[in-house]
């Protein structure tokens, strides 16, 4: 890979190189991916509390 560019919403481009870390927030409709993942743990925790 010679070079890669990440395009931002305002048409800016950022150079990327191998080894760069990336963080992203992904929205699934009105529910974020974080809520989706944590929801499974919350459900399990709540079921354990009921016992």
N, C-alpha and C. Protein backbone atom coordinates (compact mmCIF):
# COMPACT_ATOMS: atom_id res chain seq x y z
N UNK A 1 0.85 -1.16 0.00
CA UNK A 1 0.00 0.00 0.00
C UNK A 1 0.90 1.24 0.00
N UNK A 2 0.86 1.99 -1.04
CA UNK A 2 1.68 3.19 -1.15
C UNK A 2 1.14 4.29 -0.24
N UNK A 3 -0.15 4.58 -0.33
CA UNK A 3 -0.76 5.56 0.56
C UNK A 3 -2.28 5.40 0.53
N UNK A 4 -2.90 5.74 1.63
CA UNK A 4 -4.35 5.72 1.76
C UNK A 4 -4.78 7.07 2.33
N UNK A 5 -5.96 7.50 1.96
CA UNK A 5 -6.50 8.76 2.44
C UNK A 5 -7.86 8.49 3.08
N UNK A 6 -8.13 9.15 4.20
CA UNK A 6 -9.43 9.11 4.84
C UNK A 6 -10.11 10.44 4.55
N UNK A 7 -11.28 10.38 3.93
CA UNK A 7 -11.98 11.61 3.57
C UNK A 7 -12.98 11.98 4.65
N UNK A 8 -12.88 13.22 5.14
CA UNK A 8 -13.80 13.74 6.14
C UNK A 8 -15.02 14.34 5.46
N UNK A 9 -16.05 14.64 6.25
CA UNK A 9 -17.28 15.22 5.70
C UNK A 9 -17.04 16.56 5.03
N UNK A 10 -16.06 17.31 5.50
CA UNK A 10 -15.81 18.64 4.93
C UNK A 10 -14.80 18.59 3.79
N UNK A 11 -14.65 17.44 3.15
CA UNK A 11 -13.78 17.21 2.00
C UNK A 11 -12.29 17.23 2.33
N UNK A 12 -11.92 17.36 3.59
CA UNK A 12 -10.51 17.25 3.97
C UNK A 12 -10.09 15.79 3.83
N UNK A 13 -8.82 15.57 3.56
CA UNK A 13 -8.28 14.23 3.49
C UNK A 13 -7.14 14.09 4.49
N UNK A 14 -7.15 13.00 5.22
CA UNK A 14 -6.09 12.71 6.19
C UNK A 14 -5.29 11.51 5.69
N UNK A 15 -3.97 11.61 5.71
CA UNK A 15 -3.17 10.45 5.29
C UNK A 15 -3.19 9.35 6.34
N UNK A 16 -3.32 8.11 5.90
CA UNK A 16 -3.30 6.96 6.80
C UNK A 16 -2.10 6.09 6.47
N UNK A 17 -1.55 5.47 7.50
CA UNK A 17 -0.45 4.54 7.31
C UNK A 17 -0.74 3.27 8.10
N UNK A 18 -0.12 2.19 7.71
CA UNK A 18 -0.28 0.92 8.42
C UNK A 18 0.12 1.11 9.88
N UNK A 19 -0.67 0.55 10.78
CA UNK A 19 -0.38 0.63 12.19
C UNK A 19 -1.13 1.73 12.92
N UNK A 20 -1.80 2.61 12.19
CA UNK A 20 -2.59 3.66 12.83
C UNK A 20 -3.81 3.01 13.48
N UNK A 21 -4.16 3.44 14.67
CA UNK A 21 -5.38 2.93 15.29
C UNK A 21 -6.55 3.83 14.89
N UNK A 22 -7.72 3.23 14.87
CA UNK A 22 -8.92 3.96 14.47
C UNK A 22 -10.00 3.71 15.49
N UNK A 23 -10.67 4.77 15.93
CA UNK A 23 -11.84 4.68 16.79
C UNK A 23 -13.03 5.20 16.01
N UNK A 24 -14.17 4.53 16.17
CA UNK A 24 -15.36 4.97 15.43
C UNK A 24 -16.61 4.72 16.27
N UNK A 25 -17.56 5.59 16.13
CA UNK A 25 -18.89 5.40 16.70
C UNK A 25 -19.81 5.03 15.56
N UNK A 26 -20.51 3.91 15.73
CA UNK A 26 -21.42 3.44 14.70
C UNK A 26 -22.83 3.52 15.25
N UNK A 27 -23.69 4.22 14.55
CA UNK A 27 -25.08 4.31 14.96
C UNK A 27 -25.92 3.36 14.13
N UNK A 28 -26.72 2.55 14.82
CA UNK A 28 -27.64 1.62 14.17
C UNK A 28 -29.04 2.17 14.37
N UNK A 29 -29.44 3.03 13.48
CA UNK A 29 -30.74 3.68 13.66
C UNK A 29 -30.65 4.64 14.82
N UNK A 30 -31.54 4.49 15.78
CA UNK A 30 -31.54 5.36 16.95
C UNK A 30 -30.77 4.74 18.11
N UNK A 31 -30.21 3.56 17.91
CA UNK A 31 -29.47 2.85 18.95
C UNK A 31 -28.01 2.78 18.54
N UNK A 32 -27.11 3.18 19.43
CA UNK A 32 -25.69 3.11 19.12
C UNK A 32 -25.19 1.67 19.28
N UNK A 33 -24.07 1.36 18.67
CA UNK A 33 -23.51 0.01 18.80
C UNK A 33 -23.14 -0.27 20.26
N UNK A 34 -22.73 0.77 20.98
CA UNK A 34 -22.40 0.60 22.40
C UNK A 34 -23.64 0.16 23.18
N UNK A 35 -24.78 0.78 22.91
CA UNK A 35 -26.01 0.40 23.58
C UNK A 35 -26.41 -1.03 23.23
N UNK A 36 -26.18 -1.42 21.99
CA UNK A 36 -26.52 -2.77 21.55
C UNK A 36 -25.67 -3.80 22.29
N UNK A 37 -24.37 -3.55 22.37
CA UNK A 37 -23.48 -4.48 23.06
C UNK A 37 -23.76 -4.53 24.55
N UNK A 38 -23.91 -3.36 25.18
CA UNK A 38 -24.14 -3.33 26.62
C UNK A 38 -25.52 -3.85 26.98
N UNK A 39 -26.47 -3.74 26.07
CA UNK A 39 -27.81 -4.23 26.33
C UNK A 39 -27.83 -5.72 26.63
N UNK A 40 -27.00 -6.47 25.93
CA UNK A 40 -26.92 -7.92 26.17
C UNK A 40 -26.41 -8.20 27.58
N UNK A 41 -25.42 -7.45 28.02
CA UNK A 41 -24.89 -7.64 29.37
C UNK A 41 -25.89 -7.20 30.42
N UNK A 42 -26.60 -6.12 30.15
CA UNK A 42 -27.61 -5.64 31.09
C UNK A 42 -28.73 -6.66 31.23
N UNK A 43 -29.15 -7.27 30.13
CA UNK A 43 -30.19 -8.29 30.18
C UNK A 43 -29.75 -9.47 31.04
N UNK A 44 -28.52 -9.91 30.86
CA UNK A 44 -27.99 -11.03 31.65
C UNK A 44 -27.91 -10.65 33.12
N UNK A 45 -27.43 -9.45 33.40
CA UNK A 45 -27.32 -8.98 34.78
C UNK A 45 -28.69 -8.91 35.43
N UNK A 46 -29.66 -8.39 34.73
CA UNK A 46 -31.02 -8.29 35.28
C UNK A 46 -31.62 -9.67 35.53
N UNK A 47 -31.35 -10.63 34.66
CA UNK A 47 -31.89 -11.97 34.89
C UNK A 47 -31.22 -12.61 36.09
N UNK A 48 -29.94 -12.31 36.33
CA UNK A 48 -29.25 -12.84 37.50
C UNK A 48 -29.80 -12.23 38.79
N UNK A 49 -30.17 -10.98 38.73
CA UNK A 49 -30.72 -10.29 39.91
C UNK A 49 -32.08 -10.86 40.30
N UNK A 50 -32.86 -11.30 39.31
CA UNK A 50 -34.20 -11.81 39.57
C UNK A 50 -34.16 -13.16 40.27
N UNK A 51 -33.07 -13.88 40.16
CA UNK A 51 -32.98 -15.23 40.74
C UNK A 51 -32.82 -15.21 42.22
